[in-house]
N, C-alpha and C. Protein backbone atom coordinates (compact mmCIF):
# COMPACT_ATOMS: atom_id res chain seq x y z
N MET A 1 3.92 -68.02 136.99
CA MET A 1 2.92 -67.71 138.01
C MET A 1 1.78 -68.71 137.88
N LEU A 2 1.25 -69.08 139.00
CA LEU A 2 0.16 -70.05 139.06
C LEU A 2 -1.09 -69.38 139.63
N VAL A 3 -2.19 -69.49 138.90
CA VAL A 3 -3.50 -69.06 139.40
C VAL A 3 -4.25 -70.33 139.72
N LEU A 4 -4.54 -70.53 140.99
CA LEU A 4 -5.10 -71.79 141.47
C LEU A 4 -6.48 -71.55 142.08
N GLY A 5 -7.49 -72.12 141.44
CA GLY A 5 -8.86 -72.02 141.95
C GLY A 5 -9.22 -73.27 142.72
N ILE A 6 -9.64 -73.08 143.97
CA ILE A 6 -10.00 -74.20 144.83
C ILE A 6 -11.51 -74.18 145.06
N GLY A 7 -12.12 -75.34 145.09
CA GLY A 7 -13.53 -75.40 145.41
C GLY A 7 -14.21 -76.64 144.89
N ASN A 8 -15.33 -76.96 145.52
CA ASN A 8 -16.14 -78.11 145.13
C ASN A 8 -17.36 -77.59 144.38
N VAL A 9 -17.35 -77.76 143.06
CA VAL A 9 -18.44 -77.22 142.23
C VAL A 9 -19.78 -77.93 142.49
N LEU A 10 -19.74 -79.06 143.17
CA LEU A 10 -20.99 -79.76 143.50
C LEU A 10 -21.69 -79.15 144.71
N MET A 11 -21.02 -78.18 145.35
CA MET A 11 -21.60 -77.53 146.52
C MET A 11 -21.87 -76.05 146.27
N GLY A 12 -22.31 -75.74 145.06
CA GLY A 12 -22.72 -74.39 144.73
C GLY A 12 -21.61 -73.37 144.88
N ASP A 13 -21.86 -72.35 145.71
CA ASP A 13 -20.93 -71.23 145.86
C ASP A 13 -19.55 -71.66 146.34
N GLU A 14 -19.45 -72.79 146.99
CA GLU A 14 -18.16 -73.28 147.49
C GLU A 14 -17.19 -73.51 146.33
N GLY A 15 -17.71 -73.65 145.13
CA GLY A 15 -16.87 -73.88 143.95
C GLY A 15 -16.39 -72.61 143.26
N ILE A 16 -16.50 -71.47 143.91
CA ILE A 16 -16.16 -70.19 143.27
C ILE A 16 -14.75 -70.16 142.70
N GLY A 17 -13.78 -70.72 143.36
CA GLY A 17 -12.41 -70.69 142.85
C GLY A 17 -12.29 -71.35 141.49
N VAL A 18 -12.95 -72.47 141.32
CA VAL A 18 -12.94 -73.19 140.04
C VAL A 18 -13.63 -72.35 138.96
N HIS A 19 -14.74 -71.74 139.29
CA HIS A 19 -15.47 -70.92 138.32
C HIS A 19 -14.64 -69.71 137.86
N VAL A 20 -13.91 -69.11 138.78
CA VAL A 20 -13.07 -67.96 138.41
C VAL A 20 -11.95 -68.42 137.47
N VAL A 21 -11.32 -69.55 137.76
CA VAL A 21 -10.26 -70.07 136.88
C VAL A 21 -10.82 -70.35 135.49
N GLN A 22 -12.01 -70.92 135.43
CA GLN A 22 -12.63 -71.17 134.12
C GLN A 22 -12.85 -69.87 133.35
N ARG A 23 -13.24 -68.82 134.06
CA ARG A 23 -13.43 -67.51 133.42
C ARG A 23 -12.09 -66.96 132.93
N LEU A 24 -11.06 -67.06 133.75
CA LEU A 24 -9.73 -66.55 133.37
C LEU A 24 -9.17 -67.27 132.16
N GLU A 25 -9.45 -68.56 132.04
CA GLU A 25 -8.95 -69.33 130.91
C GLU A 25 -9.52 -68.86 129.58
N GLN A 26 -10.59 -68.09 129.63
CA GLN A 26 -11.20 -67.53 128.42
C GLN A 26 -10.57 -66.19 128.02
N LEU A 27 -9.71 -65.66 128.87
CA LEU A 27 -9.10 -64.35 128.64
C LEU A 27 -7.66 -64.51 128.15
N PRO A 28 -7.15 -63.48 127.46
CA PRO A 28 -5.73 -63.54 127.06
C PRO A 28 -4.84 -63.32 128.28
N LEU A 29 -4.11 -64.33 128.65
CA LEU A 29 -3.24 -64.28 129.82
C LEU A 29 -1.78 -64.17 129.40
N PRO A 30 -0.95 -63.57 130.23
CA PRO A 30 0.48 -63.55 129.92
C PRO A 30 1.02 -64.97 129.78
N GLU A 31 2.08 -65.12 128.98
CA GLU A 31 2.67 -66.43 128.72
C GLU A 31 3.09 -67.18 129.97
N ASN A 32 3.56 -66.43 130.95
CA ASN A 32 4.12 -67.07 132.14
C ASN A 32 3.07 -67.40 133.19
N VAL A 33 1.80 -67.38 132.80
CA VAL A 33 0.72 -67.64 133.75
C VAL A 33 0.07 -68.97 133.42
N ARG A 34 -0.08 -69.79 134.44
CA ARG A 34 -0.76 -71.08 134.30
C ARG A 34 -1.98 -71.06 135.22
N CYS A 35 -3.14 -71.36 134.66
CA CYS A 35 -4.36 -71.48 135.47
C CYS A 35 -4.57 -72.96 135.77
N LEU A 36 -5.01 -73.23 136.98
CA LEU A 36 -5.21 -74.62 137.39
C LEU A 36 -6.47 -74.73 138.22
N ASP A 37 -7.35 -75.62 137.79
CA ASP A 37 -8.54 -75.98 138.56
C ASP A 37 -8.08 -76.95 139.63
N GLY A 38 -7.98 -76.44 140.86
CA GLY A 38 -7.50 -77.26 141.96
C GLY A 38 -8.57 -78.12 142.59
N GLY A 39 -9.82 -77.97 142.11
CA GLY A 39 -10.91 -78.78 142.64
C GLY A 39 -10.97 -78.72 144.14
N THR A 40 -11.11 -79.87 144.75
CA THR A 40 -11.25 -79.93 146.20
C THR A 40 -9.90 -80.08 146.91
N GLY A 41 -8.86 -79.83 146.19
CA GLY A 41 -7.54 -79.85 146.81
C GLY A 41 -6.99 -81.25 146.94
N SER A 42 -5.71 -81.36 146.87
CA SER A 42 -5.05 -82.64 146.97
C SER A 42 -3.56 -82.38 147.00
N PHE A 43 -2.82 -83.29 147.56
CA PHE A 43 -1.37 -83.10 147.56
C PHE A 43 -0.81 -83.21 146.14
N LEU A 44 -1.63 -83.59 145.16
CA LEU A 44 -1.19 -83.58 143.77
C LEU A 44 -0.93 -82.14 143.29
N LEU A 45 -1.48 -81.16 144.00
CA LEU A 45 -1.27 -79.75 143.66
C LEU A 45 0.08 -79.24 144.16
N LEU A 46 0.69 -79.97 145.05
CA LEU A 46 1.91 -79.51 145.71
C LEU A 46 3.02 -79.21 144.71
N GLU A 47 3.24 -80.09 143.75
CA GLU A 47 4.33 -79.87 142.79
C GLU A 47 4.10 -78.59 141.99
N SER A 48 2.87 -78.35 141.55
CA SER A 48 2.57 -77.12 140.80
C SER A 48 2.85 -75.89 141.66
N MET A 49 2.54 -75.98 142.94
CA MET A 49 2.79 -74.86 143.84
C MET A 49 4.28 -74.66 144.06
N GLN A 50 5.02 -75.74 144.18
CA GLN A 50 6.46 -75.65 144.40
C GLN A 50 7.18 -75.05 143.20
N LEU A 51 6.66 -75.29 142.00
CA LEU A 51 7.31 -74.81 140.78
C LEU A 51 6.95 -73.36 140.45
N ALA A 52 5.98 -72.81 141.11
CA ALA A 52 5.52 -71.45 140.80
C ALA A 52 6.38 -70.40 141.48
N SER A 53 6.66 -69.33 140.75
CA SER A 53 7.36 -68.21 141.36
C SER A 53 6.41 -67.36 142.18
N ARG A 54 5.15 -67.45 141.84
CA ARG A 54 4.11 -66.70 142.55
C ARG A 54 2.81 -67.47 142.40
N ILE A 55 1.98 -67.44 143.45
CA ILE A 55 0.71 -68.17 143.44
C ILE A 55 -0.41 -67.20 143.76
N ILE A 56 -1.45 -67.26 142.95
CA ILE A 56 -2.68 -66.53 143.24
C ILE A 56 -3.75 -67.58 143.48
N LEU A 57 -4.31 -67.58 144.69
CA LEU A 57 -5.33 -68.54 145.08
C LEU A 57 -6.69 -67.87 145.11
N ILE A 58 -7.71 -68.63 144.73
CA ILE A 58 -9.09 -68.18 144.87
C ILE A 58 -9.83 -69.28 145.60
N ASP A 59 -10.47 -68.93 146.72
CA ASP A 59 -11.20 -69.93 147.50
C ASP A 59 -12.34 -69.25 148.24
N ALA A 60 -13.32 -70.04 148.58
CA ALA A 60 -14.48 -69.56 149.34
C ALA A 60 -14.15 -69.55 150.82
N THR A 61 -14.81 -68.67 151.55
CA THR A 61 -14.68 -68.63 152.99
C THR A 61 -16.03 -68.29 153.61
N ILE A 62 -16.29 -68.87 154.75
CA ILE A 62 -17.49 -68.53 155.51
C ILE A 62 -17.01 -67.69 156.67
N ASP A 63 -17.08 -66.38 156.49
CA ASP A 63 -16.50 -65.48 157.48
C ASP A 63 -17.50 -64.47 158.04
N GLY A 64 -18.78 -64.65 157.70
CA GLY A 64 -19.81 -63.77 158.22
C GLY A 64 -19.98 -62.49 157.43
N LYS A 65 -19.13 -62.27 156.43
CA LYS A 65 -19.28 -61.08 155.59
C LYS A 65 -20.38 -61.33 154.56
N ARG A 66 -20.83 -60.24 153.94
CA ARG A 66 -21.87 -60.33 152.92
C ARG A 66 -21.40 -61.26 151.80
N PRO A 67 -22.24 -62.22 151.37
CA PRO A 67 -21.84 -63.11 150.27
C PRO A 67 -21.42 -62.30 149.04
N GLY A 68 -20.30 -62.70 148.48
CA GLY A 68 -19.76 -62.00 147.32
C GLY A 68 -18.67 -61.00 147.69
N THR A 69 -18.45 -60.80 148.98
CA THR A 69 -17.36 -59.92 149.41
C THR A 69 -16.04 -60.59 149.06
N VAL A 70 -15.17 -59.84 148.40
CA VAL A 70 -13.86 -60.37 148.02
C VAL A 70 -12.80 -59.69 148.87
N THR A 71 -12.01 -60.51 149.55
CA THR A 71 -10.94 -59.99 150.39
C THR A 71 -9.61 -60.45 149.82
N ARG A 72 -8.75 -59.49 149.52
CA ARG A 72 -7.41 -59.81 149.00
C ARG A 72 -6.45 -59.86 150.18
N LEU A 73 -5.77 -60.98 150.31
CA LEU A 73 -4.83 -61.17 151.41
C LEU A 73 -3.47 -61.60 150.88
N THR A 74 -2.43 -61.25 151.60
CA THR A 74 -1.09 -61.74 151.28
C THR A 74 -0.53 -62.43 152.52
N PRO A 75 -1.06 -63.60 152.80
CA PRO A 75 -0.64 -64.33 154.00
C PRO A 75 0.80 -64.82 153.89
N GLN A 76 1.47 -64.85 155.02
CA GLN A 76 2.84 -65.35 155.03
C GLN A 76 2.94 -66.75 155.62
N PHE A 77 1.95 -67.13 156.42
CA PHE A 77 1.94 -68.45 157.04
C PHE A 77 0.54 -69.03 156.88
N SER A 78 0.42 -70.34 156.98
CA SER A 78 -0.90 -70.94 156.83
C SER A 78 -1.87 -70.44 157.89
N SER A 79 -1.36 -70.07 159.05
CA SER A 79 -2.23 -69.56 160.11
C SER A 79 -2.83 -68.19 159.78
N ASP A 80 -2.29 -67.53 158.75
CA ASP A 80 -2.81 -66.22 158.32
C ASP A 80 -4.03 -66.35 157.41
N TYR A 81 -4.37 -67.56 157.02
CA TYR A 81 -5.48 -67.77 156.09
C TYR A 81 -6.80 -67.77 156.83
N PRO A 82 -7.86 -67.28 156.16
CA PRO A 82 -9.17 -67.28 156.81
C PRO A 82 -9.74 -68.69 156.88
N VAL A 83 -10.84 -68.80 157.59
CA VAL A 83 -11.53 -70.08 157.70
C VAL A 83 -11.99 -70.49 156.30
N THR A 84 -11.65 -71.71 155.92
CA THR A 84 -12.16 -72.25 154.67
C THR A 84 -13.09 -73.40 155.01
N LEU A 85 -13.56 -74.04 153.99
CA LEU A 85 -14.55 -75.08 154.20
C LEU A 85 -13.92 -76.45 154.33
N THR A 86 -14.67 -77.38 154.84
CA THR A 86 -14.17 -78.74 155.01
C THR A 86 -14.57 -79.64 153.84
N ALA A 87 -15.07 -79.05 152.77
CA ALA A 87 -15.49 -79.84 151.61
C ALA A 87 -14.31 -80.25 150.74
N HIS A 88 -13.11 -79.83 151.12
CA HIS A 88 -11.92 -80.18 150.36
C HIS A 88 -11.37 -81.52 150.84
N ASP A 89 -10.68 -82.24 149.92
CA ASP A 89 -10.07 -83.51 150.30
C ASP A 89 -9.08 -83.31 151.43
N ILE A 90 -8.25 -82.30 151.29
CA ILE A 90 -7.36 -81.90 152.37
C ILE A 90 -7.58 -80.41 152.54
N GLY A 91 -7.26 -79.91 153.68
CA GLY A 91 -7.43 -78.48 153.90
C GLY A 91 -6.41 -77.69 153.11
N LEU A 92 -6.82 -76.52 152.64
CA LEU A 92 -5.91 -75.63 151.93
C LEU A 92 -4.71 -75.29 152.82
N LYS A 93 -4.97 -75.13 154.10
CA LYS A 93 -3.88 -74.82 155.03
C LYS A 93 -2.87 -75.96 155.09
N ASP A 94 -3.36 -77.20 155.05
CA ASP A 94 -2.45 -78.36 155.06
C ASP A 94 -1.56 -78.36 153.81
N LEU A 95 -2.17 -78.08 152.67
CA LEU A 95 -1.43 -78.04 151.42
C LEU A 95 -0.40 -76.92 151.45
N LEU A 96 -0.80 -75.77 151.96
CA LEU A 96 0.14 -74.65 152.04
C LEU A 96 1.25 -74.93 153.03
N ASP A 97 0.93 -75.56 154.14
CA ASP A 97 1.97 -75.92 155.10
C ASP A 97 3.01 -76.81 154.44
N ALA A 98 2.56 -77.78 153.66
CA ALA A 98 3.48 -78.68 152.97
C ALA A 98 4.32 -77.90 151.96
N ALA A 99 3.71 -76.98 151.25
CA ALA A 99 4.45 -76.17 150.27
C ALA A 99 5.47 -75.28 150.97
N TYR A 100 5.09 -74.66 152.07
CA TYR A 100 6.03 -73.82 152.82
C TYR A 100 7.20 -74.65 153.35
N LEU A 101 6.91 -75.85 153.85
CA LEU A 101 7.96 -76.69 154.41
C LEU A 101 8.93 -77.19 153.35
N THR A 102 8.43 -77.46 152.16
CA THR A 102 9.28 -78.04 151.12
C THR A 102 9.89 -76.99 150.19
N SER A 103 9.30 -75.80 150.14
CA SER A 103 9.78 -74.78 149.20
C SER A 103 10.32 -73.54 149.88
N GLY A 104 10.10 -73.41 151.16
CA GLY A 104 10.49 -72.17 151.83
C GLY A 104 9.40 -71.13 151.65
N ALA A 105 9.80 -69.89 151.59
CA ALA A 105 8.84 -68.79 151.47
C ALA A 105 8.12 -68.86 150.13
N LEU A 106 6.83 -68.68 150.16
CA LEU A 106 6.03 -68.63 148.95
C LEU A 106 5.46 -67.23 148.78
N ALA A 107 5.39 -66.78 147.55
CA ALA A 107 4.73 -65.51 147.27
C ALA A 107 3.28 -65.84 146.91
N VAL A 108 2.39 -65.68 147.88
CA VAL A 108 0.99 -66.07 147.71
C VAL A 108 0.09 -64.86 147.90
N THR A 109 -0.87 -64.73 146.99
CA THR A 109 -1.96 -63.77 147.15
C THR A 109 -3.24 -64.59 147.13
N LEU A 110 -4.07 -64.36 148.11
CA LEU A 110 -5.33 -65.08 148.22
C LEU A 110 -6.50 -64.14 148.01
N PHE A 111 -7.40 -64.55 147.14
CA PHE A 111 -8.67 -63.86 146.98
C PHE A 111 -9.71 -64.75 147.65
N ALA A 112 -10.11 -64.36 148.86
CA ALA A 112 -11.09 -65.11 149.64
C ALA A 112 -12.46 -64.52 149.34
N VAL A 113 -13.39 -65.37 148.94
CA VAL A 113 -14.73 -64.93 148.57
C VAL A 113 -15.71 -65.40 149.64
N SER A 114 -16.38 -64.46 150.25
CA SER A 114 -17.33 -64.79 151.32
C SER A 114 -18.58 -65.42 150.73
N ILE A 115 -18.98 -66.53 151.35
CA ILE A 115 -20.20 -67.22 150.94
C ILE A 115 -21.02 -67.58 152.17
N GLU A 116 -22.26 -67.94 151.92
CA GLU A 116 -23.12 -68.50 152.97
C GLU A 116 -22.75 -69.98 153.12
N PRO A 117 -22.99 -70.56 154.29
CA PRO A 117 -22.74 -72.00 154.42
C PRO A 117 -23.57 -72.78 153.39
N PRO A 118 -22.96 -73.76 152.74
CA PRO A 118 -23.71 -74.55 151.76
C PRO A 118 -24.92 -75.23 152.40
N SER A 119 -26.03 -75.23 151.66
CA SER A 119 -27.26 -75.82 152.21
C SER A 119 -27.58 -77.16 151.56
N GLY A 120 -26.70 -77.64 150.73
CA GLY A 120 -26.94 -78.92 150.09
C GLY A 120 -26.08 -79.05 148.84
N ILE A 121 -26.36 -80.09 148.10
CA ILE A 121 -25.61 -80.34 146.87
C ILE A 121 -26.31 -79.68 145.71
N GLY A 122 -25.53 -79.05 144.85
CA GLY A 122 -26.06 -78.41 143.66
C GLY A 122 -24.95 -77.63 142.98
N MET A 123 -25.03 -77.54 141.67
CA MET A 123 -23.96 -76.90 140.91
C MET A 123 -24.21 -75.42 140.63
N GLU A 124 -25.40 -74.94 140.93
CA GLU A 124 -25.72 -73.54 140.64
C GLU A 124 -25.10 -72.61 141.67
N LEU A 125 -24.61 -71.49 141.16
CA LEU A 125 -24.10 -70.44 142.03
C LEU A 125 -25.22 -69.48 142.37
N SER A 126 -25.15 -68.88 143.54
CA SER A 126 -26.13 -67.86 143.90
C SER A 126 -25.88 -66.62 143.04
N PRO A 127 -26.89 -65.77 142.88
CA PRO A 127 -26.68 -64.54 142.10
C PRO A 127 -25.54 -63.67 142.63
N ALA A 128 -25.41 -63.57 143.94
CA ALA A 128 -24.34 -62.73 144.51
C ALA A 128 -22.97 -63.24 144.10
N ILE A 129 -22.78 -64.54 144.08
CA ILE A 129 -21.48 -65.11 143.72
C ILE A 129 -21.27 -65.07 142.21
N THR A 130 -22.31 -65.36 141.45
CA THR A 130 -22.22 -65.27 139.99
C THR A 130 -21.80 -63.88 139.56
N ASN A 131 -22.39 -62.86 140.17
CA ASN A 131 -22.08 -61.48 139.82
C ASN A 131 -20.68 -61.07 140.23
N THR A 132 -20.05 -61.81 141.11
CA THR A 132 -18.71 -61.48 141.59
C THR A 132 -17.62 -62.02 140.66
N ILE A 133 -17.92 -63.02 139.86
CA ILE A 133 -16.90 -63.67 139.02
C ILE A 133 -16.17 -62.67 138.12
N PRO A 134 -16.88 -61.79 137.38
CA PRO A 134 -16.14 -60.84 136.54
C PRO A 134 -15.24 -59.89 137.35
N LEU A 135 -15.69 -59.48 138.51
CA LEU A 135 -14.91 -58.61 139.38
C LEU A 135 -13.63 -59.31 139.83
N ILE A 136 -13.75 -60.54 140.27
CA ILE A 136 -12.58 -61.28 140.73
C ILE A 136 -11.61 -61.50 139.57
N ALA A 137 -12.13 -61.85 138.41
CA ALA A 137 -11.28 -62.04 137.23
C ALA A 137 -10.54 -60.74 136.90
N GLU A 138 -11.22 -59.62 136.98
CA GLU A 138 -10.58 -58.32 136.72
C GLU A 138 -9.50 -58.03 137.76
N MET A 139 -9.79 -58.31 139.02
CA MET A 139 -8.80 -58.09 140.08
C MET A 139 -7.55 -58.93 139.85
N ILE A 140 -7.74 -60.16 139.41
CA ILE A 140 -6.60 -61.05 139.17
C ILE A 140 -5.82 -60.59 137.95
N MET A 141 -6.51 -60.15 136.91
CA MET A 141 -5.82 -59.64 135.72
C MET A 141 -4.96 -58.43 136.10
N GLU A 142 -5.48 -57.56 136.96
CA GLU A 142 -4.70 -56.42 137.43
C GLU A 142 -3.49 -56.89 138.24
N GLU A 143 -3.70 -57.89 139.05
CA GLU A 143 -2.61 -58.47 139.86
C GLU A 143 -1.52 -59.02 138.95
N LEU A 144 -1.92 -59.72 137.89
CA LEU A 144 -0.96 -60.29 136.95
C LEU A 144 -0.21 -59.19 136.20
N ALA A 145 -0.91 -58.13 135.83
CA ALA A 145 -0.28 -57.01 135.13
C ALA A 145 0.74 -56.33 136.02
N CYS A 146 0.40 -56.12 137.28
CA CYS A 146 1.34 -55.51 138.24
C CYS A 146 2.56 -56.39 138.44
N ALA A 147 2.34 -57.69 138.52
CA ALA A 147 3.45 -58.63 138.70
C ALA A 147 4.37 -58.61 137.50
N ALA A 148 3.81 -58.48 136.30
CA ALA A 148 4.62 -58.44 135.09
C ALA A 148 5.49 -57.18 135.05
N VAL A 149 4.94 -56.06 135.54
CA VAL A 149 5.70 -54.80 135.56
C VAL A 149 6.86 -54.90 136.55
N ARG A 150 6.63 -55.56 137.69
CA ARG A 150 7.67 -55.69 138.71
C ARG A 150 8.77 -56.66 138.30
N ALA A 151 8.43 -57.60 137.42
CA ALA A 151 9.41 -58.65 137.03
C ALA A 151 10.50 -58.15 136.13
């Protein structure tokens, strides 16, 4: 299983996916779980996605919800994904489209974290997003535990 955090840490809250992966790497994870800091995305992530039996993604979204709102989705197509940011090298949807085309059906769970539009460059997270990191990590640990029971 692959836990993939996407985000640009130079744009504050937009880097939430990377921060969550860093938090998870400090926890005892099942052997079959690989955490990956996907940064701003790149087709270099494609191989890791193709090799995974299951993918858990964490990414920021500007969807008008209260900052720090976490939405768990199980999209089947790239068009099922919420609006993400353009701060990535390539769009997450583009990367997923390539993975779907080359691998067939993917088992993907997305944790979309609502943020405010970035107001500039900076590495600090807002309090609302900082306070959400433990919750998201706990949600993912539960997801991994459920997946292990089903396997």
